[in-house]
Amino acid sequence: MKVVSFTVPGQPVAKGRGRVSIRGSHAVVYTPEKTRRYENQVSAYAAEAMRHMPPIGGPVEVVVEAFMMVPASWSLKKRLSAIAGQIKPVTKPDLDNIVKALDGMNGIVVVDDAQIVKLTATKHYSDIPQLIVTVTVIGQE
């Protein structure tokens, strides 16, 4: 079974909605800069993990773990409870929008994210904000 794992350091970023602007008489949809930068980061760390191997072509299972920074304003007691998993991050960014940032691994880890047949995603508090992605080939490639 083939497994590829990579970590994107820093606070996980949710994929932003496409923005629309008017150019002359045409509407143009574009991806927000913050989203584009984060997807480029995901791409870079994914490429490093793949070590020049071709993208996976078959069905995959993906596990996403988003580790969010504990708010600085919290007391030490509350901070320790959060890191221990007793307090869950129920604030923005939304977990489903963080997962959408995995579009950055298209053509690098997988041919297309349509190949994801099983997805597990969790959001935790941590002193080390990061996104950990594990992709496992299931079945034949």
Foldseek 3Di string as FASTA:
>chain_A
DDKFKFKQFDAQDFFDDWDWDDDPNDIDTDGDPVLVVLLLSLLVRLQVRCVPDWADEAAKAKEKEWEHEDDPPDDPVVLVCQAVVVDFPPDDDDFVRSVVSNQSCCRRHHVGPVSYPHYHYGYGYDNTTMMMMMMGDDDDD
